[in-house]
Amino acid sequence: MIRIKSDDEVIEVSNVLPLLPLRDVVVFPSIVIPLMVGRRGSVSAVDAAMSKDRIIFLVAQRRAETARPKEKDIYSVGTISRIAQILRLPDGTVRILAEGLARAKIQKIQKEEDHMRARVTIYPRRVTETKETKALLRSVKGQFEEYIRLNPKVPDEVLASTAYLKDSGKLTDTMCADTLLGTGEAGHA
């Protein structure tokens, strides 16, 4: 079992979770993101999570065009996430709202009949809050504000989402999630 501290709650989850490979999407802890899920194996992973505790492991795949990703096709670090909402569409695809809970590293992948499962461990956070890191964070926050002002594709509300964050981990995850950079390829789950 893994214990995850999320704001004011502690969540206990299994260390073996349904794995959902994502095309050109990285999900960060503390971020809520809508995802369209259409591949048979991906829908099966969502179903497996929904039949248990709604917890799933989201991880980016290396190349978006890989239709049936295997272990070598996905990155080793992803995010333990909770499925907050699910909507099944008539064409068989599923729209989920996923909430990132904690960064984790894959220890082993197990192939189930129609999807993969990952044995994971929490990825340790290595930031120590010092005067220097706080100063660096203020500088990065200022540069992020400038990025928002210069980039018309990013909504102004993004700036509000970082304005009051004091925790360096949540702040950097939020800034990364709101920066319009891809994983190098294009696609969906």
Protein backbone atom coordinates (compact mmCIF):
# COMPACT_ATOMS: atom_id res chain seq x y z
CA MET A 1 0.00 0.00 0.00
CA ILE A 2 1.01 3.58 -0.68
CA ARG A 3 0.02 6.53 1.52
CA ILE A 4 -0.48 9.81 -0.32
CA LYS A 5 -0.89 13.13 1.48
CA SER A 6 -3.18 15.31 -0.61
CA ASP A 7 -3.97 18.69 0.96
CA ASP A 8 -5.98 17.80 4.06
CA GLU A 9 -6.48 14.07 3.44
CA VAL A 10 -4.37 10.93 3.43
CA ILE A 11 -5.23 8.45 0.70
CA GLU A 12 -4.17 4.81 0.83
CA VAL A 13 -3.87 3.12 -2.54
CA SER A 14 -2.52 -0.14 -3.84
CA ASN A 15 1.00 -0.10 -5.25
CA VAL A 16 -0.27 -2.07 -8.29
CA LEU A 17 -2.54 0.10 -10.45
CA PRO A 18 -4.22 0.00 -13.86
CA LEU A 19 -1.90 1.82 -16.28
CA LEU A 20 -3.21 4.33 -18.81
CA PRO A 21 -0.64 5.39 -21.44
CA LEU A 22 -1.25 8.95 -22.65
CA ARG A 23 -0.47 10.44 -26.05
CA ASP A 24 1.27 13.82 -25.82
CA VAL A 25 -0.09 14.55 -22.35
CA VAL A 26 1.71 14.72 -19.02
CA VAL A 27 -0.44 14.79 -15.91
CA PHE A 28 1.06 16.47 -12.85
CA PRO A 29 0.18 16.05 -9.17
CA SER A 30 -2.48 18.49 -7.88
CA ILE A 31 -3.74 19.11 -11.42
CA VAL A 32 -7.22 18.21 -12.67
CA ILE A 33 -7.35 17.41 -16.39
CA PRO A 34 -9.97 16.10 -18.83
CA LEU A 35 -8.86 13.14 -20.94
CA MET A 36 -10.47 11.41 -23.92
CA VAL A 37 -9.87 7.66 -23.78
CA GLY A 38 -10.58 5.58 -26.86
CA ARG A 39 -8.17 2.68 -27.30
CA ARG A 40 -9.58 -0.66 -26.15
CA GLY A 41 -6.74 -1.29 -23.67
CA SER A 42 -7.03 2.24 -22.30
CA VAL A 43 -10.79 1.96 -21.80
CA SER A 44 -10.18 -1.39 -20.07
CA ALA A 45 -7.68 0.27 -17.69
CA VAL A 46 -10.27 2.94 -16.85
CA ASP A 47 -12.89 0.24 -16.26
CA ALA A 48 -10.50 -1.64 -13.95
CA ALA A 49 -9.91 1.53 -11.92
CA MET A 50 -13.63 2.31 -11.76
CA SER A 51 -14.45 -1.20 -10.56
CA LYS A 52 -12.15 -0.77 -7.57
CA ASP A 53 -11.21 2.59 -6.05
CA ARG A 54 -11.07 4.95 -9.08
CA ILE A 55 -7.27 5.13 -8.80
CA ILE A 56 -5.22 4.82 -12.00
CA PHE A 57 -1.60 5.38 -13.03
CA LEU A 58 -1.25 7.91 -15.87
CA VAL A 59 2.00 7.95 -17.82
CA ALA A 60 3.05 9.57 -21.10
CA GLN A 61 4.06 7.35 -23.98
CA ARG A 62 7.22 8.13 -25.90
CA ARG A 63 5.62 8.33 -29.36
CA ALA A 64 2.00 9.35 -29.88
CA GLU A 65 1.55 7.26 -33.01
CA THR A 66 2.21 3.98 -31.17
CA ALA A 67 -1.25 2.41 -31.16
CA ARG A 68 -0.61 -0.41 -28.68
CA PRO A 69 2.15 0.77 -26.37
CA LYS A 70 4.29 -1.77 -24.57
CA GLU A 71 6.63 -1.22 -21.63
CA LYS A 72 9.44 0.12 -23.84
CA ASP A 73 7.02 2.68 -25.33
CA ILE A 74 6.19 4.54 -22.11
CA TYR A 75 8.16 6.70 -19.72
CA SER A 76 9.03 5.29 -16.29
CA VAL A 77 7.65 8.21 -14.24
CA GLY A 78 3.97 9.14 -14.19
CA THR A 79 1.23 10.23 -11.82
CA ILE A 80 -1.02 8.26 -9.53
CA SER A 81 -4.43 9.82 -10.23
CA ARG A 82 -8.04 9.61 -9.13
CA ILE A 83 -10.86 9.50 -11.67
CA ALA A 84 -13.18 12.26 -10.45
CA GLN A 85 -15.76 11.94 -13.25
CA ILE A 86 -16.47 9.64 -16.14
CA LEU A 87 -18.68 10.01 -19.18
CA ARG A 88 -19.20 7.10 -21.58
CA LEU A 89 -19.89 8.23 -25.13
CA PRO A 90 -21.99 6.34 -27.72
CA ASP A 91 -18.96 5.62 -29.92
CA GLY A 92 -17.28 3.62 -27.13
CA THR A 93 -14.86 6.32 -26.06
CA VAL A 94 -14.75 7.55 -22.50
CA ARG A 95 -14.17 11.06 -21.21
CA ILE A 96 -12.65 11.19 -17.74
CA LEU A 97 -11.71 13.98 -15.40
CA ALA A 98 -8.50 12.90 -13.68
CA GLU A 99 -6.98 14.45 -10.57
CA GLY A 100 -3.23 13.97 -10.18
CA LEU A 101 -2.36 12.82 -6.67
CA ALA A 102 1.34 11.91 -6.56
CA ARG A 103 4.31 11.39 -8.84
CA ALA A 104 5.42 7.76 -8.98
CA LYS A 105 7.97 5.54 -10.71
CA ILE A 106 7.22 2.23 -12.39
CA GLN A 107 8.96 -0.72 -10.77
CA LYS A 108 7.37 -3.41 -12.90
CA ILE A 109 4.66 -3.67 -15.56
CA GLN A 110 2.24 -6.58 -15.55
CA LYS A 111 0.24 -7.44 -18.66
CA GLU A 112 -3.39 -8.23 -17.93
CA GLU A 113 -5.75 -9.76 -20.47
CA ASP A 114 -6.66 -6.43 -22.06
CA HIS A 115 -4.62 -3.73 -20.30
CA MET A 116 -1.42 -3.15 -18.35
CA ARG A 117 -0.95 -2.73 -14.63
CA ALA A 118 2.04 -1.01 -13.03
CA ARG A 119 3.72 -1.75 -9.71
CA VAL A 120 4.77 1.74 -8.59
CA THR A 121 6.60 3.53 -5.81
CA ILE A 122 6.21 7.15 -4.86
CA TYR A 123 8.81 9.31 -6.56
CA PRO A 124 10.54 11.27 -3.79
CA ARG A 125 10.33 15.03 -3.77
CA ARG A 126 13.85 16.39 -3.46
CA VAL A 127 13.27 20.12 -2.88
CA THR A 128 14.38 21.63 0.40
CA GLU A 129 12.76 24.97 1.19
CA THR A 130 15.68 27.36 1.76
CA LYS A 131 16.08 31.10 1.27
CA GLU A 132 17.83 30.40 -2.02
CA THR A 133 15.10 28.11 -3.38
CA LYS A 134 12.42 30.61 -2.34
CA ALA A 135 14.29 33.37 -4.19
CA LEU A 136 14.66 31.16 -7.27
CA LEU A 137 10.97 30.31 -7.11
CA ARG A 138 10.03 34.02 -7.00
CA SER A 139 12.20 34.56 -10.08
CA VAL A 140 10.62 31.64 -11.95
CA LYS A 141 7.16 32.85 -10.93
CA GLY A 142 7.96 36.29 -12.39
CA GLN A 143 9.17 34.73 -15.63
CA PHE A 144 6.03 32.59 -15.78
CA GLU A 145 3.86 35.71 -15.39
CA GLU A 146 5.75 37.26 -18.32
CA TYR A 147 5.20 34.06 -20.36
CA ILE A 148 1.44 34.30 -19.69
CA ARG A 149 1.36 37.96 -20.76
CA LEU A 150 3.25 37.23 -24.00
CA ASN A 151 1.38 34.06 -25.00
CA PRO A 152 -2.17 34.74 -26.25
CA LYS A 153 -3.02 31.01 -26.25
CA VAL A 154 -2.80 30.78 -22.45
CA PRO A 155 -5.90 32.09 -20.62
CA ASP A 156 -5.38 34.83 -18.02
CA GLU A 157 -6.99 32.56 -15.38
CA VAL A 158 -3.82 30.46 -15.41
CA LEU A 159 -2.00 33.27 -13.65
CA ALA A 160 -4.62 33.29 -10.91
CA SER A 161 -4.07 29.56 -10.36
CA THR A 162 -0.47 30.22 -9.30
CA ALA A 163 -0.88 33.54 -7.47
CA TYR A 164 -1.41 32.18 -3.97
CA LEU A 165 0.52 28.92 -4.09
CA LYS A 166 3.34 28.82 -1.52
CA ASP A 167 4.32 25.16 -1.82
CA SER A 168 7.17 24.97 -4.35
CA GLY A 169 6.16 21.52 -5.59
CA LYS A 170 2.55 22.49 -6.30
CA LEU A 171 3.67 25.77 -7.85
CA THR A 172 6.13 24.16 -10.25
CA ASP A 173 3.69 21.38 -11.17
CA THR A 174 1.00 23.98 -11.91
CA MET A 175 3.37 26.09 -13.99
CA CYS A 176 4.55 23.03 -15.95
CA ALA A 177 0.97 21.89 -16.58
CA ASP A 178 0.03 25.33 -17.89
CA THR A 179 3.05 25.78 -20.15
CA LEU A 180 2.18 24.92 -23.74
CA LEU A 181 4.89 22.34 -24.35
CA GLY A 182 4.25 18.88 -25.72
CA THR A 183 6.03 15.62 -25.07
CA GLY A 184 7.38 15.75 -28.60
CA GLU A 185 4.53 14.05 -30.45
CA ALA A 186 0.77 14.63 -30.92
CA GLY A 187 -2.30 12.63 -29.89
CA HIS A 188 -4.55 11.43 -27.04
CA ALA A 189 -5.02 8.47 -24.68
